[in-house]
Amino acid sequence: MVSLGTIDFSGHEDMFTSLKENVCKNDKLKDYMIFDEDDHTVWLIWWRN
């Protein structure tokens, strides 16, 4: 089973950038998030291993 969610950071680009910088440094977290630079949206992916 896989779940997919989004967070829209439109108007909060500083928060988007901060989250991206921190997540990209963490090998465990970066597998669960996709960052859309154009729309400032973060896609979150959950699955059971």
PDB file of N, CA and C in Angstrom:
ATOM      1  N   MET A   1       0.846  -1.161   0.000  1.00  0.00           N
ATOM      2  CA  MET A   1       0.000   0.000   0.000  1.00  0.00           C
ATOM      3  C   MET A   1       0.899   1.235   0.000  1.00  0.00           C
ATOM      4  N   VAL A   2       0.508   2.231  -0.778  1.00  0.00           N
ATOM      5  CA  VAL A   2       1.243   3.491  -0.879  1.00  0.00           C
ATOM      6  C   VAL A   2       0.267   4.633  -0.667  1.00  0.00           C
ATOM      7  N   SER A   3       0.703   5.629   0.083  1.00  0.00           N
ATOM      8  CA  SER A   3      -0.088   6.850   0.266  1.00  0.00           C
ATOM      9  C   SER A   3       0.717   8.016  -0.277  1.00  0.00           C
ATOM     10  N   LEU A   4       0.016   8.961  -0.858  1.00  0.00           N
ATOM     11  CA  LEU A   4       0.644  10.127  -1.463  1.00  0.00           C
ATOM     12  C   LEU A   4      -0.064  11.376  -0.968  1.00  0.00           C
ATOM     13  N   GLY A   5       0.697  12.381  -0.569  1.00  0.00           N
ATOM     14  CA  GLY A   5       0.121  13.639  -0.105  1.00  0.00           C
ATOM     15  C   GLY A   5       0.954  14.800  -0.621  1.00  0.00           C
ATOM     16  N   THR A   6       0.409  15.993  -0.543  1.00  0.00           N
ATOM     17  CA  THR A   6       1.147  17.175  -0.981  1.00  0.00           C
ATOM     18  C   THR A   6       1.019  18.286   0.048  1.00  0.00           C
ATOM     19  N   ILE A   7       2.017  19.151   0.042  1.00  0.00           N
ATOM     20  CA  ILE A   7       1.980  20.382   0.816  1.00  0.00           C
ATOM     21  C   ILE A   7       2.287  21.504  -0.164  1.00  0.00           C
ATOM     22  N   ASP A   8       1.402  22.469  -0.257  1.00  0.00           N
ATOM     23  CA  ASP A   8       1.560  23.601  -1.163  1.00  0.00           C
ATOM     24  C   ASP A   8       2.202  24.757  -0.394  1.00  0.00           C
ATOM     25  N   PHE A   9       3.409  25.111  -0.789  1.00  0.00           N
ATOM     26  CA  PHE A   9       4.136  26.201  -0.143  1.00  0.00           C
ATOM     27  C   PHE A   9       4.078  27.490  -0.953  1.00  0.00           C
ATOM     28  N   SER A  10       3.104  27.625  -1.844  1.00  0.00           N
ATOM     29  CA  SER A  10       2.950  28.869  -2.601  1.00  0.00           C
ATOM     30  C   SER A  10       2.788  30.029  -1.626  1.00  0.00           C
ATOM     31  N   GLY A  11       3.563  31.068  -1.829  1.00  0.00           N
ATOM     32  CA  GLY A  11       3.522  32.206  -0.925  1.00  0.00           C
ATOM     33  C   GLY A  11       4.401  32.026   0.298  1.00  0.00           C
ATOM     34  N   HIS A  12       4.994  30.843   0.426  1.00  0.00           N
ATOM     35  CA  HIS A  12       5.877  30.548   1.560  1.00  0.00           C
ATOM     36  C   HIS A  12       7.153  29.884   1.036  1.00  0.00           C
ATOM     37  N   GLU A  13       7.724  30.499   0.016  1.00  0.00           N
ATOM     38  CA  GLU A  13       8.884  29.927  -0.647  1.00  0.00           C
ATOM     39  C   GLU A  13      10.073  29.745   0.295  1.00  0.00           C
ATOM     40  N   ASP A  14      10.196  30.599   1.308  1.00  0.00           N
ATOM     41  CA  ASP A  14      11.288  30.468   2.272  1.00  0.00           C
ATOM     42  C   ASP A  14      11.154  29.163   3.065  1.00  0.00           C
ATOM     43  N   MET A  15       9.938  28.796   3.421  1.00  0.00           N
ATOM     44  CA  MET A  15       9.702  27.540   4.135  1.00  0.00           C
ATOM     45  C   MET A  15       9.997  26.340   3.230  1.00  0.00           C
ATOM     46  N   PHE A  16       9.596  26.444   1.968  1.00  0.00           N
ATOM     47  CA  PHE A  16       9.856  25.397   0.982  1.00  0.00           C
ATOM     48  C   PHE A  16      11.364  25.167   0.856  1.00  0.00           C
ATOM     49  N   THR A  17      12.108  26.247   0.700  1.00  0.00           N
ATOM     50  CA  THR A  17      13.562  26.161   0.534  1.00  0.00           C
ATOM     51  C   THR A  17      14.226  25.580   1.777  1.00  0.00           C
ATOM     52  N   SER A  18      13.804  26.011   2.937  1.00  0.00           N
ATOM     53  CA  SER A  18      14.366  25.516   4.187  1.00  0.00           C
ATOM     54  C   SER A  18      14.110  24.017   4.349  1.00  0.00           C
ATOM     55  N   LEU A  19      12.880  23.590   4.082  1.00  0.00           N
ATOM     56  CA  LEU A  19      12.548  22.166   4.181  1.00  0.00           C
ATOM     57  C   LEU A  19      13.379  21.364   3.194  1.00  0.00           C
ATOM     58  N   LYS A  20      13.483  21.825   1.966  1.00  0.00           N
ATOM     59  CA  LYS A  20      14.245  21.112   0.945  1.00  0.00           C
ATOM     60  C   LYS A  20      15.705  20.975   1.340  1.00  0.00           C
ATOM     61  N   GLU A  21      16.297  22.046   1.833  1.00  0.00           N
ATOM     62  CA  GLU A  21      17.702  21.997   2.238  1.00  0.00           C
ATOM     63  C   GLU A  21      17.922  20.976   3.350  1.00  0.00           C
ATOM     64  N   ASN A  22      17.029  20.946   4.323  1.00  0.00           N
ATOM     65  CA  ASN A  22      17.171  20.017   5.448  1.00  0.00           C
ATOM     66  C   ASN A  22      16.889  18.571   5.057  1.00  0.00           C
ATOM     67  N   VAL A  23      15.881  18.355   4.239  1.00  0.00           N
ATOM     68  CA  VAL A  23      15.531  16.995   3.827  1.00  0.00           C
ATOM     69  C   VAL A  23      16.611  16.405   2.929  1.00  0.00           C
ATOM     70  N   CYS A  24      17.163  17.208   2.038  1.00  0.00           N
ATOM     71  CA  CYS A  24      18.177  16.698   1.110  1.00  0.00           C
ATOM     72  C   CYS A  24      19.462  16.284   1.815  1.00  0.00           C
ATOM     73  N   LYS A  25      19.679  16.760   3.020  1.00  0.00           N
ATOM     74  CA  LYS A  25      20.848  16.371   3.812  1.00  0.00           C
ATOM     75  C   LYS A  25      20.625  15.047   4.543  1.00  0.00           C
ATOM     76  N   ASN A  26      19.386  14.598   4.624  1.00  0.00           N
ATOM     77  CA  ASN A  26      19.031  13.410   5.391  1.00  0.00           C
ATOM     78  C   ASN A  26      18.694  12.262   4.433  1.00  0.00           C
ATOM     79  N   ASP A  27      19.572  11.268   4.364  1.00  0.00           N
ATOM     80  CA  ASP A  27      19.380  10.158   3.427  1.00  0.00           C
ATOM     81  C   ASP A  27      18.085   9.385   3.657  1.00  0.00           C
ATOM     82  N   LYS A  28      17.631   9.307   4.895  1.00  0.00           N
ATOM     83  CA  LYS A  28      16.394   8.574   5.179  1.00  0.00           C
ATOM     84  C   LYS A  28      15.160   9.340   4.711  1.00  0.00           C
ATOM     85  N   LEU A  29      15.134  10.641   4.919  1.00  0.00           N
ATOM     86  CA  LEU A  29      13.953  11.436   4.568  1.00  0.00           C
ATOM     87  C   LEU A  29      13.835  11.723   3.079  1.00  0.00           C
ATOM     88  N   LYS A  30      14.948  11.898   2.399  1.00  0.00           N
ATOM     89  CA  LYS A  30      14.867  12.320   1.000  1.00  0.00           C
ATOM     90  C   LYS A  30      14.222  11.281   0.086  1.00  0.00           C
ATOM     91  N   ASP A  31      14.137  10.041   0.539  1.00  0.00           N
ATOM     92  CA  ASP A  31      13.453   9.010  -0.247  1.00  0.00           C
ATOM     93  C   ASP A  31      11.931   9.160  -0.186  1.00  0.00           C
ATOM     94  N   TYR A  32      11.431   9.955   0.749  1.00  0.00           N
ATOM     95  CA  TYR A  32       9.996  10.077   0.962  1.00  0.00           C
ATOM     96  C   TYR A  32       9.405  11.396   0.471  1.00  0.00           C
ATOM     97  N   MET A  33      10.231  12.284  -0.100  1.00  0.00           N
ATOM     98  CA  MET A  33       9.733  13.593  -0.521  1.00  0.00           C
ATOM     99  C   MET A  33      10.266  13.957  -1.896  1.00  0.00           C
ATOM    100  N   ILE A  34       9.389  14.541  -2.700  1.00  0.00           N
ATOM    101  CA  ILE A  34       9.758  15.065  -4.012  1.00  0.00           C
ATOM    102  C   ILE A  34       9.430  16.548  -3.999  1.00  0.00           C
ATOM    103  N   PHE A  35      10.378  17.374  -4.419  1.00  0.00           N
ATOM    104  CA  PHE A  35      10.219  18.820  -4.386  1.00  0.00           C
ATOM    105  C   PHE A  35       9.995  19.365  -5.790  1.00  0.00           C
ATOM    106  N   ASP A  36       8.849  20.012  -5.987  1.00  0.00           N
ATOM    107  CA  ASP A  36       8.491  20.633  -7.260  1.00  0.00           C
ATOM    108  C   ASP A  36       8.851  22.121  -7.178  1.00  0.00           C
ATOM    109  N   GLU A  37       9.976  22.480  -7.789  1.00  0.00           N
ATOM    110  CA  GLU A  37      10.477  23.855  -7.744  1.00  0.00           C
ATOM    111  C   GLU A  37       9.539  24.846  -8.435  1.00  0.00           C
ATOM    112  N   ASP A  38       8.864  24.427  -9.488  1.00  0.00           N
ATOM    113  CA  ASP A  38       8.000  25.342 -10.253  1.00  0.00           C
ATOM    114  C   ASP A  38       6.787  25.792  -9.450  1.00  0.00           C
ATOM    115  N   ASP A  39       6.150  24.861  -8.750  1.00  0.00           N
ATOM    116  CA  ASP A  39       4.915  25.173  -8.026  1.00  0.00           C
ATOM    117  C   ASP A  39       5.116  25.299  -6.518  1.00  0.00           C
ATOM    118  N   HIS A  40       6.368  25.106  -6.057  1.00  0.00           N
ATOM    119  CA  HIS A  40       6.676  25.138  -4.623  1.00  0.00           C
ATOM    120  C   HIS A  40       5.774  24.173  -3.846  1.00  0.00           C
ATOM    121  N   THR A  41       5.698  22.964  -4.361  1.00  0.00           N
ATOM    122  CA  THR A  41       4.901  21.905  -3.757  1.00  0.00           C
ATOM    123  C   THR A  41       5.818  20.759  -3.353  1.00  0.00           C
ATOM    124  N   VAL A  42       5.534  20.160  -2.212  1.00  0.00           N
ATOM    125  CA  VAL A  42       6.274  18.985  -1.764  1.00  0.00           C
ATOM    126  C   VAL A  42       5.327  17.797  -1.819  1.00  0.00           C
ATOM    127  N   TRP A  43       5.764  16.748  -2.473  1.00  0.00           N
ATOM    128  CA  TRP A  43       5.010  15.500  -2.550  1.00  0.00           C
ATOM    129  C   TRP A  43       5.576  14.557  -1.515  1.00  0.00           C
ATOM    130  N   LEU A  44       4.719  14.031  -0.653  1.00  0.00           N
ATOM    131  CA  LEU A  44       5.113  13.099   0.402  1.00  0.00           C
ATOM    132  C   LEU A  44       4.633  11.705   0.036  1.00  0.00           C
ATOM    133  N   ILE A  45       5.521  10.735   0.186  1.00  0.00           N
ATOM    134  CA  ILE A  45       5.198   9.363  -0.184  1.00  0.00           C
ATOM    135  C   ILE A  45       5.424   8.467   1.030  1.00  0.00           C
ATOM    136  N   TRP A  46       4.402   7.693   1.375  1.00  0.00           N
ATOM    137  CA  TRP A  46       4.524   6.720   2.461  1.00  0.00           C
ATOM    138  C   TRP A  46       4.274   5.346   1.894  1.00  0.00           C
ATOM    139  N   TRP A  47       5.059   4.385   2.329  1.00  0.00           N
ATOM    140  CA  TRP A  47       4.800   2.998   1.973  1.00  0.00           C
ATOM    141  C   TRP A  47       5.325   2.102   3.069  1.00  0.00           C
ATOM    142  N   ARG A  48       4.809   0.928   3.058  1.00  0.00           N
ATOM    143  CA  ARG A  48       5.229  -0.039   4.066  1.00  0.00           C
ATOM    144  C   ARG A  48       6.316  -0.919   3.474  1.00  0.00           C
ATOM    145  N   ASN A  49       7.436  -0.991   4.175  1.00  0.00           N
ATOM    146  CA  ASN A  49       8.558  -1.829   3.706  1.00  0.00           C
ATOM    147  C   ASN A  49       8.312  -3.273   4.020  1.00  0.00           C
TER     148      ASN A  49
END
